[in-house]
PDB file of N, CA and C in Angstrom:
ATOM      1  N   MET A   1     142.005 100.055  57.582  1.00  0.00           N
ATOM      2  CA  MET A   1     142.176  98.379  57.367  1.00  0.00           C
ATOM      3  C   MET A   1     140.914  98.242  57.346  1.00  0.00           C
ATOM      4  N   ASP A   2     140.508  96.726  56.893  1.00  0.00           N
ATOM      5  CA  ASP A   2     139.304  95.991  56.306  1.00  0.00           C
ATOM      6  C   ASP A   2     139.416  94.701  57.564  1.00  0.00           C
ATOM      7  N   VAL A   3     138.208  94.525  57.244  1.00  0.00           N
ATOM      8  CA  VAL A   3     137.836  93.247  58.425  1.00  0.00           C
ATOM      9  C   VAL A   3     138.857  92.321  57.483  1.00  0.00           C
ATOM     10  N   ASN A   4     139.580  90.995  57.812  1.00  0.00           N
ATOM     11  CA  ASN A   4     140.653  90.409  57.637  1.00  0.00           C
ATOM     12  C   ASN A   4     140.140  88.676  58.585  1.00  0.00           C
ATOM     13  N   THR A   5     139.859  87.981  57.197  1.00  0.00           N
ATOM     14  CA  THR A   5     139.693  86.432  58.107  1.00  0.00           C
ATOM     15  C   THR A   5     140.916  85.599  58.181  1.00  0.00           C
ATOM     16  N   ARG A   6     140.820  84.813  58.935  1.00  0.00           N
ATOM     17  CA  ARG A   6     141.712  83.538  58.633  1.00  0.00           C
ATOM     18  C   ARG A   6     141.033  82.769  59.589  1.00  0.00           C
ATOM     19  N   VAL A   7     141.732  80.956  59.344  1.00  0.00           N
ATOM     20  CA  VAL A   7     140.644  80.375  59.603  1.00  0.00           C
ATOM     21  C   VAL A   7     141.831  80.005  61.098  1.00  0.00           C
ATOM     22  N   SER A   8     141.618  79.355  61.871  1.00  0.00           N
ATOM     23  CA  SER A   8     142.509  78.338  62.786  1.00  0.00           C
ATOM     24  C   SER A   8     143.678  77.338  62.483  1.00  0.00           C
ATOM     25  N   GLY A   9     144.251  76.991  62.756  1.00  0.00           N
ATOM     26  CA  GLY A   9     145.428  75.576  62.661  1.00  0.00           C
ATOM     27  C   GLY A   9     144.733  74.592  62.148  1.00  0.00           C
ATOM     28  N   ASP A  10     143.333  73.935  63.015  1.00  0.00           N
ATOM     29  CA  ASP A  10     142.438  73.267  63.351  1.00  0.00           C
ATOM     30  C   ASP A  10     141.798  72.830  62.861  1.00  0.00           C
ATOM     31  N   ASN A  11     141.478  74.181  61.599  1.00  0.00           N
ATOM     32  CA  ASN A  11     140.305  74.658  60.753  1.00  0.00           C
ATOM     33  C   ASN A  11     139.002  74.115  60.706  1.00  0.00           C
ATOM     34  N   GLN A  12     138.754  74.443  62.339  1.00  0.00           N
ATOM     35  CA  GLN A  12     137.754  74.417  63.198  1.00  0.00           C
ATOM     36  C   GLN A  12     136.910  76.423  64.026  1.00  0.00           C
ATOM     37  N   THR A  13     138.084  77.159  63.398  1.00  0.00           N
ATOM     38  CA  THR A  13     137.071  78.660  63.760  1.00  0.00           C
ATOM     39  C   THR A  13     137.883  79.049  62.737  1.00  0.00           C
ATOM     40  N   LEU A  14     136.860  79.977  62.805  1.00  0.00           N
ATOM     41  CA  LEU A  14     136.786  81.159  61.731  1.00  0.00           C
ATOM     42  C   LEU A  14     136.844  82.529  62.478  1.00  0.00           C
ATOM     43  N   ILE A  15     138.066  83.017  62.130  1.00  0.00           N
ATOM     44  CA  ILE A  15     138.742  84.362  63.215  1.00  0.00           C
ATOM     45  C   ILE A  15     138.386  85.243  62.309  1.00  0.00           C
ATOM     46  N   VAL A  16     138.080  85.919  62.769  1.00  0.00           N
ATOM     47  CA  VAL A  16     137.184  87.975  62.371  1.00  0.00           C
ATOM     48  C   VAL A  16     137.999  88.862  63.242  1.00  0.00           C
ATOM     49  N   ASP A  17     139.223  89.291  62.478  1.00  0.00           N
ATOM     50  CA  ASP A  17     139.831  90.351  62.360  1.00  0.00           C
ATOM     51  C   ASP A  17     139.466  92.128  62.078  1.00  0.00           C
ATOM     52  N   ILE A  18     139.150  92.856  62.589  1.00  0.00           N
ATOM     53  CA  ILE A  18     138.452  94.155  62.512  1.00  0.00           C
ATOM     54  C   ILE A  18     139.410  94.934  62.625  1.00  0.00           C
ATOM     55  N   GLY A  19     139.649  96.168  62.243  1.00  0.00           N
ATOM     56  CA  GLY A  19     140.995  97.314  61.772  1.00  0.00           C
ATOM     57  C   GLY A  19     139.796  97.629  63.222  1.00  0.00           C
ATOM     58  N   GLU A  20     140.774  99.307  63.207  1.00  0.00           N
ATOM     59  CA  GLU A  20     140.726 100.448  64.142  1.00  0.00           C
ATOM     60  C   GLU A  20     139.247 100.568  64.481  1.00  0.00           C
ATOM     61  N   LYS A  21     138.339 100.804  63.541  1.00  0.00           N
ATOM     62  CA  LYS A  21     136.853 101.546  63.837  1.00  0.00           C
ATOM     63  C   LYS A  21     136.596 100.393  63.495  1.00  0.00           C
ATOM     64  N   PHE A  22     134.814  99.851  64.516  1.00  0.00           N
ATOM     65  CA  PHE A  22     134.259  98.737  63.959  1.00  0.00           C
ATOM     66  C   PHE A  22     132.686  99.497  64.126  1.00  0.00           C
ATOM     67  N   ASP A  23     132.579 100.457  62.604  1.00  0.00           N
ATOM     68  CA  ASP A  23     131.207 101.125  62.426  1.00  0.00           C
ATOM     69  C   ASP A  23     130.718 100.612  61.477  1.00  0.00           C
ATOM     70  N   PHE A  24     130.153 101.620  61.482  1.00  0.00           N
ATOM     71  CA  PHE A  24     128.808 101.314  59.844  1.00  0.00           C
ATOM     72  C   PHE A  24     130.161 100.851  58.401  1.00  0.00           C
ATOM     73  N   SER A  25     130.891 101.852  58.067  1.00  0.00           N
ATOM     74  CA  SER A  25     131.734 101.910  57.029  1.00  0.00           C
ATOM     75  C   SER A  25     132.029  99.896  56.768  1.00  0.00           C
ATOM     76  N   LYS A  26     131.947  99.612  58.379  1.00  0.00           N
ATOM     77  CA  LYS A  26     132.278  98.048  58.029  1.00  0.00           C
ATOM     78  C   LYS A  26     131.109  96.863  57.458  1.00  0.00           C
ATOM     79  N   VAL A  27     130.091  97.253  57.064  1.00  0.00           N
ATOM     80  CA  VAL A  27     129.008  96.449  56.992  1.00  0.00           C
ATOM     81  C   VAL A  27     129.560  95.433  55.898  1.00  0.00           C
ATOM     82  N   GLU A  28     129.746  96.145  54.597  1.00  0.00           N
ATOM     83  CA  GLU A  28     129.643  94.649  53.695  1.00  0.00           C
ATOM     84  C   GLU A  28     131.023  93.847  53.755  1.00  0.00           C
ATOM     85  N   ALA A  29     132.004  94.496  53.987  1.00  0.00           N
ATOM     86  CA  ALA A  29     133.486  93.643  54.428  1.00  0.00           C
ATOM     87  C   ALA A  29     133.158  93.213  55.860  1.00  0.00           C
ATOM     88  N   PHE A  30     132.355  93.326  56.944  1.00  0.00           N
ATOM     89  CA  PHE A  30     132.000  92.065  58.164  1.00  0.00           C
ATOM     90  C   PHE A  30     131.176  91.252  57.385  1.00  0.00           C
ATOM     91  N   ARG A  31     130.106  91.220  56.640  1.00  0.00           N
ATOM     92  CA  ARG A  31     129.346  90.450  56.237  1.00  0.00           C
ATOM     93  C   ARG A  31     129.881  89.483  55.279  1.00  0.00           C
ATOM     94  N   ALA A  32     130.771  90.081  54.731  1.00  0.00           N
ATOM     95  CA  ALA A  32     131.511  88.896  53.731  1.00  0.00           C
ATOM     96  C   ALA A  32     132.195  88.296  54.501  1.00  0.00           C
ATOM     97  N   ALA A  33     132.952  88.264  55.562  1.00  0.00           N
ATOM     98  CA  ALA A  33     133.404  87.933  56.339  1.00  0.00           C
ATOM     99  C   ALA A  33     132.723  86.505  56.977  1.00  0.00           C
ATOM    100  N   TYR A  34     131.365  86.339  56.934  1.00  0.00           N
ATOM    101  CA  TYR A  34     131.205  85.054  57.427  1.00  0.00           C
ATOM    102  C   TYR A  34     130.263  84.425  56.488  1.00  0.00           C
ATOM    103  N   LYS A  35     129.814  85.126  55.556  1.00  0.00           N
ATOM    104  CA  LYS A  35     128.947  84.499  54.161  1.00  0.00           C
ATOM    105  C   LYS A  35     129.066  82.979  53.974  1.00  0.00           C
ATOM    106  N   ASP A  36     130.423  82.583  53.574  1.00  0.00           N
ATOM    107  CA  ASP A  36     130.370  81.763  52.753  1.00  0.00           C
ATOM    108  C   ASP A  36     131.576  80.691  53.754  1.00  0.00           C
ATOM    109  N   LEU A  37     131.498  80.464  54.652  1.00  0.00           N
ATOM    110  CA  LEU A  37     132.087  79.802  55.446  1.00  0.00           C
ATOM    111  C   LEU A  37     132.800  78.880  55.132  1.00  0.00           C
ATOM    112  N   PRO A  38     134.284  78.206  55.634  1.00  0.00           N
ATOM    113  CA  PRO A  38     134.497  76.748  54.743  1.00  0.00           C
ATOM    114  C   PRO A  38     134.018  75.862  55.221  1.00  0.00           C
ATOM    115  N   SER A  39     133.883  74.391  55.177  1.00  0.00           N
ATOM    116  CA  SER A  39     133.624  73.831  56.184  1.00  0.00           C
ATOM    117  C   SER A  39     134.422  72.840  57.129  1.00  0.00           C
ATOM    118  N   GLY A  40     134.181  72.990  58.238  1.00  0.00           N
ATOM    119  CA  GLY A  40     134.359  72.300  59.310  1.00  0.00           C
ATOM    120  C   GLY A  40     134.594  73.913  60.283  1.00  0.00           C
ATOM    121  N   ILE A  41     133.576  74.369  60.094  1.00  0.00           N
ATOM    122  CA  ILE A  41     133.926  75.824  61.214  1.00  0.00           C
ATOM    123  C   ILE A  41     132.713  75.378  62.188  1.00  0.00           C
ATOM    124  N   ASN A  42     133.003  75.464  63.845  1.00  0.00           N
ATOM    125  CA  ASN A  42     131.809  75.373  64.127  1.00  0.00           C
ATOM    126  C   ASN A  42     132.080  76.582  65.527  1.00  0.00           C
ATOM    127  N   HIS A  43     132.629  77.118  64.768  1.00  0.00           N
ATOM    128  CA  HIS A  43     133.138  78.776  66.370  1.00  0.00           C
ATOM    129  C   HIS A  43     133.273  79.849  65.648  1.00  0.00           C
ATOM    130  N   ILE A  44     133.011  81.268  65.464  1.00  0.00           N
ATOM    131  CA  ILE A  44     133.163  82.428  65.158  1.00  0.00           C
ATOM    132  C   ILE A  44     133.917  82.808  66.019  1.00  0.00           C
ATOM    133  N   SER A  45     134.799  83.705  65.473  1.00  0.00           N
ATOM    134  CA  SER A  45     135.882  83.997  66.430  1.00  0.00           C
ATOM    135  C   SER A  45     135.890  85.767  66.234  1.00  0.00           C
ATOM    136  N   VAL A  46     135.112  86.718  66.801  1.00  0.00           N
ATOM    137  CA  VAL A  46     135.547  88.721  66.425  1.00  0.00           C
ATOM    138  C   VAL A  46     136.635  88.899  67.277  1.00  0.00           C
ATOM    139  N   ASP A  47     137.728  88.740  66.485  1.00  0.00           N
ATOM    140  CA  ASP A  47     138.978  89.397  67.829  1.00  0.00           C
ATOM    141  C   ASP A  47     138.655  91.171  67.073  1.00  0.00           C
ATOM    142  N   LEU A  48     138.548  91.688  68.565  1.00  0.00           N
ATOM    143  CA  LEU A  48     138.527  93.144  68.446  1.00  0.00           C
ATOM    144  C   LEU A  48     140.095  93.568  69.414  1.00  0.00           C
ATOM    145  N   ALA A  49     141.229  92.943  68.723  1.00  0.00           N
ATOM    146  CA  ALA A  49     142.997  93.482  69.486  1.00  0.00           C
ATOM    147  C   ALA A  49     142.927  94.568  69.165  1.00  0.00           C
ATOM    148  N   LYS A  50     142.375  95.084  67.732  1.00  0.00           N
ATOM    149  CA  LYS A  50     142.862  96.614  67.159  1.00  0.00           C
ATOM    150  C   LYS A  50     141.968  98.096  66.950  1.00  0.00           C
ATOM    151  N   THR A  51     140.417  97.307  67.792  1.00  0.00           N
ATOM    152  CA  THR A  51     139.771  98.234  67.686  1.00  0.00           C
ATOM    153  C   THR A  51     139.867  98.992  68.798  1.00  0.00           C
ATOM    154  N   GLU A  52     139.226 100.288  68.356  1.00  0.00           N
ATOM    155  CA  GLU A  52     140.030 101.375  69.186  1.00  0.00           C
ATOM    156  C   GLU A  52     138.340 102.517  69.346  1.00  0.00           C
ATOM    157  N   TYR A  53     137.432 102.482  68.586  1.00  0.00           N
ATOM    158  CA  TYR A  53     135.936 102.916  68.368  1.00  0.00           C
ATOM    159  C   TYR A  53     135.380 101.527  68.117  1.00  0.00           C
ATOM    160  N   MET A  54     134.509 101.871  68.537  1.00  0.00           N
ATOM    161  CA  MET A  54     133.008 100.470  68.045  1.00  0.00           C
ATOM    162  C   MET A  54     131.803 101.686  68.618  1.00  0.00           C
ATOM    163  N   ASP A  55     131.082 101.380  67.309  1.00  0.00           N
ATOM    164  CA  ASP A  55     129.739 102.543  67.352  1.00  0.00           C
ATOM    165  C   ASP A  55     128.357 100.987  67.706  1.00  0.00           C
ATOM    166  N   SER A  56     127.530 102.236  67.790  1.00  0.00           N
ATOM    167  CA  SER A  56     125.894 100.831  67.431  1.00  0.00           C
ATOM    168  C   SER A  56     125.930 100.133  66.609  1.00  0.00           C
ATOM    169  N   SER A  57     126.047 100.817  65.796  1.00  0.00           N
ATOM    170  CA  SER A  57     125.607 100.026  64.517  1.00  0.00           C
ATOM    171  C   SER A  57     126.564  98.462  63.912  1.00  0.00           C
ATOM    172  N   ALA A  58     127.681  98.689  64.913  1.00  0.00           N
ATOM    173  CA  ALA A  58     129.565  97.794  65.330  1.00  0.00           C
ATOM    174  C   ALA A  58     128.138  96.334  66.223  1.00  0.00           C
ATOM    175  N   LEU A  59     127.211  97.100  67.086  1.00  0.00           N
ATOM    176  CA  LEU A  59     126.782  95.653  67.441  1.00  0.00           C
ATOM    177  C   LEU A  59     125.586  95.403  66.603  1.00  0.00           C
ATOM    178  N   GLY A  60     125.034  96.181  66.193  1.00  0.00           N
ATOM    179  CA  GLY A  60     123.759  95.210  64.859  1.00  0.00           C
ATOM    180  C   GLY A  60     124.749  94.371  64.249  1.00  0.00           C
ATOM    181  N   MET A  61     126.071  94.868  63.960  1.00  0.00           N
ATOM    182  CA  MET A  61     126.273  93.642  62.860  1.00  0.00           C
ATOM    183  C   MET A  61     126.488  92.468  63.270  1.00  0.00           C
ATOM    184  N   LEU A  62     127.084  92.590  64.630  1.00  0.00           N
ATOM    185  CA  LEU A  62     127.491  91.538  65.548  1.00  0.00           C
ATOM    186  C   LEU A  62     125.999  90.352  66.165  1.00  0.00           C
ATOM    187  N   LEU A  63     125.295  91.052  65.979  1.00  0.00           N
ATOM    188  CA  LEU A  63     123.614  90.645  66.029  1.00  0.00           C
ATOM    189  C   LEU A  63     123.141  89.997  64.669  1.00  0.00           C
ATOM    190  N   ASN A  64     123.584  90.960  63.734  1.00  0.00           N
ATOM    191  CA  ASN A  64     122.903  90.511  62.151  1.00  0.00           C
ATOM    192  C   ASN A  64     123.625  88.971  61.462  1.00  0.00           C
ATOM    193  N   MET A  65     125.048  89.112  62.387  1.00  0.00           N
ATOM    194  CA  MET A  65     125.465  87.456  62.061  1.00  0.00           C
ATOM    195  C   MET A  65     124.520  86.492  62.320  1.00  0.00           C
ATOM    196  N   GLN A  66     124.701  86.127  64.271  1.00  0.00           N
ATOM    197  CA  GLN A  66     123.899  85.649  64.284  1.00  0.00           C
ATOM    198  C   GLN A  66     122.724  84.860  63.940  1.00  0.00           C
ATOM    199  N   LYS A  67     122.178  86.134  63.324  1.00  0.00           N
ATOM    200  CA  LYS A  67     120.627  86.289  62.771  1.00  0.00           C
ATOM    201  C   LYS A  67     121.015  85.439  61.654  1.00  0.00           C
ATOM    202  N   ALA A  68     121.998  85.912  60.871  1.00  0.00           N
ATOM    203  CA  ALA A  68     122.233  84.798  59.594  1.00  0.00           C
ATOM    204  C   ALA A  68     122.837  83.843  59.368  1.00  0.00           C
ATOM    205  N   LEU A  69     122.993  82.943  60.094  1.00  0.00           N
ATOM    206  CA  LEU A  69     123.827  82.034  60.833  1.00  0.00           C
ATOM    207  C   LEU A  69     122.934  81.223  61.611  1.00  0.00           C
ATOM    208  N   THR A  70     121.524  81.246  61.726  1.00  0.00           N
ATOM    209  CA  THR A  70     121.398  80.567  62.442  1.00  0.00           C
ATOM    210  C   THR A  70     120.703  79.667  61.759  1.00  0.00           C
ATOM    211  N   GLY A  71     120.645  78.543  62.719  1.00  0.00           N
ATOM    212  CA  GLY A  71     120.422  76.922  62.046  1.00  0.00           C
ATOM    213  C   GLY A  71     121.971  76.246  62.030  1.00  0.00           C
ATOM    214  N   LYS A  72     123.014  77.138  61.549  1.00  0.00           N
ATOM    215  CA  LYS A  72     124.378  76.131  61.976  1.00  0.00           C
ATOM    216  C   LYS A  72     124.322  75.756  63.560  1.00  0.00           C
ATOM    217  N   ASP A  73     125.486  75.223  63.848  1.00  0.00           N
ATOM    218  CA  ASP A  73     125.737  74.556  64.823  1.00  0.00           C
ATOM    219  C   ASP A  73     127.391  75.100  65.197  1.00  0.00           C
ATOM    220  N   LEU A  74     127.014  76.365  65.319  1.00  0.00           N
ATOM    221  CA  LEU A  74     127.937  77.527  65.526  1.00  0.00           C
ATOM    222  C   LEU A  74     128.195  78.304  67.201  1.00  0.00           C
ATOM    223  N   THR A  75     129.484  78.464  67.777  1.00  0.00           N
ATOM    224  CA  THR A  75     129.476  79.282  68.953  1.00  0.00           C
ATOM    225  C   THR A  75     129.954  80.427  68.243  1.00  0.00           C
ATOM    226  N   TYR A  76     130.172  81.028  69.097  1.00  0.00           N
ATOM    227  CA  TYR A  76     130.396  82.505  68.878  1.00  0.00           C
ATOM    228  C   TYR A  76     131.303  82.850  70.482  1.00  0.00           C
ATOM    229  N   SER A  77     132.804  84.052  69.555  1.00  0.00           N
ATOM    230  CA  SER A  77     133.422  84.822  70.772  1.00  0.00           C
ATOM    231  C   SER A  77     133.940  85.491  70.234  1.00  0.00           C
ATOM    232  N   ILE A  78     134.163  86.899  71.365  1.00  0.00           N
ATOM    233  CA  ILE A  78     134.375  88.126  71.078  1.00  0.00           C
ATOM    234  C   ILE A  78     136.228  88.318  71.890  1.00  0.00           C
ATOM    235  N   VAL A  79     137.142  88.827  71.463  1.00  0.00           N
ATOM    236  CA  VAL A  79     137.963  88.206  72.038  1.00  0.00           C
ATOM    237  C   VAL A  79     139.124  89.703  72.185  1.00  0.00           C
ATOM    238  N   ASN A  80     139.922  89.613  72.821  1.00  0.00           N
ATOM    239  CA  ASN A  80     141.338  91.325  72.966  1.00  0.00           C
ATOM    240  C   ASN A  80     139.987  91.986  72.539  1.00  0.00           C
ATOM    241  N   ALA A  81     139.438  92.697  73.167  1.00  0.00           N
ATOM    242  CA  ALA A  81     138.755  94.016  73.365  1.00  0.00           C
ATOM    243  C   ALA A  81     139.320  94.880  75.030  1.00  0.00           C
ATOM    244  N   ARG A  82     139.585  95.861  73.694  1.00  0.00           N
ATOM    245  CA  ARG A  82     139.946  96.825  74.740  1.00  0.00           C
ATOM    246  C   ARG A  82     139.343  97.233  75.944  1.00  0.00           C
ATOM    247  N   PRO A  83     139.674  97.747  77.075  1.00  0.00           N
ATOM    248  CA  PRO A  83     138.603  97.946  78.142  1.00  0.00           C
ATOM    249  C   PRO A  83     137.958  99.219  77.541  1.00  0.00           C
ATOM    250  N   PRO A  84     137.758 100.331  76.795  1.00  0.00           N
ATOM    251  CA  PRO A  84     136.366 100.981  76.653  1.00  0.00           C
ATOM    252  C   PRO A  84     135.774  99.875  75.963  1.00  0.00           C
ATOM    253  N   VAL A  85     136.285  99.296  74.685  1.00  0.00           N
ATOM    254  CA  VAL A  85     135.719  98.768  74.479  1.00  0.00           C
ATOM    255  C   VAL A  85     134.395  97.611  74.860  1.00  0.00           C
ATOM    256  N   ALA A  86     135.238  96.529  75.668  1.00  0.00           N
ATOM    257  CA  ALA A  86     135.250  96.110  76.239  1.00  0.00           C
ATOM    258  C   ALA A  86     133.435  96.315  76.917  1.00  0.00           C
ATOM    259  N   ARG A  87     133.553  97.357  77.848  1.00  0.00           N
ATOM    260  CA  ARG A  87     132.862  98.181  78.634  1.00  0.00           C
ATOM    261  C   ARG A  87     131.910  98.062  77.854  1.00  0.00           C
ATOM    262  N   ILE A  88     131.773  98.206  76.535  1.00  0.00           N
ATOM    263  CA  ILE A  88     130.806  98.625  75.733  1.00  0.00           C
ATOM    264  C   ILE A  88     129.746  97.652  75.694  1.00  0.00           C
ATOM    265  N   LEU A  89     130.405  96.612  75.440  1.00  0.00           N
ATOM    266  CA  LEU A  89     130.120  95.202  75.446  1.00  0.00           C
ATOM    267  C   LEU A  89     129.554  94.887  76.416  1.00  0.00           C
ATOM    268  N   GLN A  90     129.855  94.835  77.496  1.00  0.00           N
ATOM    269  CA  GLN A  90     129.653  94.869  78.198  1.00  0.00           C
ATOM    270  C   GLN A  90     128.058  95.417  79.681  1.00  0.00           C
ATOM    271  N   ILE A  91     127.886  95.992  79.200  1.00  0.00           N
ATOM    272  CA  ILE A  91     127.087  97.388  79.675  1.00  0.00           C
ATOM    273  C   ILE A  91     125.729  96.584  78.662  1.00  0.00           C
ATOM    274  N   SER A  92     126.370  96.784  76.768  1.00  0.00           N
ATOM    275  CA  SER A  92     125.463  96.238  76.055  1.00  0.00           C
ATOM    276  C   SER A  92     124.585  94.736  76.491  1.00  0.00           C
ATOM    277  N   ARG A  93     125.120  94.085  77.537  1.00  0.00           N
ATOM    278  CA  ARG A  93     125.056  92.845  77.691  1.00  0.00           C
ATOM    279  C   ARG A  93     125.263  91.500  76.417  1.00  0.00           C
ATOM    280  N   PHE A  94     126.037  91.882  75.745  1.00  0.00           N
ATOM    281  CA  PHE A  94     126.470  90.786  74.878  1.00  0.00           C
ATOM    282  C   PHE A  94     127.480  89.775  75.474  1.00  0.00           C
ATOM    283  N   ASP A  95     128.048  90.116  76.609  1.00  0.00           N
ATOM    284  CA  ASP A  95     128.227  88.765  77.235  1.00  0.00           C
ATOM    285  C   ASP A  95     127.040  87.262  77.245  1.00  0.00           C
ATOM    286  N   LYS A  96     125.772  87.864  77.539  1.00  0.00           N
ATOM    287  CA  LYS A  96     125.023  86.898  76.954  1.00  0.00           C
ATOM    288  C   LYS A  96     124.662  86.498  75.903  1.00  0.00           C
ATOM    289  N   LYS A  97     125.003  87.117  74.457  1.00  0.00           N
ATOM    290  CA  LYS A  97     125.024  86.151  73.378  1.00  0.00           C
ATOM    291  C   LYS A  97     126.458  85.625  73.025  1.00  0.00           C
ATOM    292  N   PHE A  98     127.272  86.082  73.580  1.00  0.00           N
ATOM    293  CA  PHE A  98     128.948  86.224  72.721  1.00  0.00           C
ATOM    294  C   PHE A  98     129.482  85.548  73.922  1.00  0.00           C
ATOM    295  N   THR A  99     130.787  84.624  74.082  1.00  0.00           N
ATOM    296  CA  THR A  99     131.330  84.280  75.069  1.00  0.00           C
ATOM    297  C   THR A  99     132.611  85.249  74.710  1.00  0.00           C
ATOM    298  N   LEU A 100     133.202  86.700  76.166  1.00  0.00           N
ATOM    299  CA  LEU A 100     133.798  87.886  76.034  1.00  0.00           C
ATOM    300  C   LEU A 100     135.292  87.140  76.607  1.00  0.00           C
ATOM    301  N   ARG A 101     136.546  86.924  75.577  1.00  0.00           N
ATOM    302  CA  ARG A 101     137.177  86.847  76.395  1.00  0.00           C
ATOM    303  C   ARG A 101     138.302  88.111  76.245  1.00  0.00           C
TER     304      ARG A 101
END
């Protein structure tokens, strides 16, 4: 499954759905997901509900997203992470850069 995006009902949040694996194979698809933000977007939510595996390149992609969007008035969250993935995020201190839900 590729990276899929959708906009919330209020047109303010871009939701980026990640498939079972969040690894280097998703670099281009993940970058394309946030490249051309629709107008009115003020929040990006990365949904890891289906993600069973995440490696260090995924952590880098998340940080690169924030760096690429510097200067835009955006907030970020990572949602629905399964316990093993949530643990990786917590150990890596991603709760300091993203809201984890």
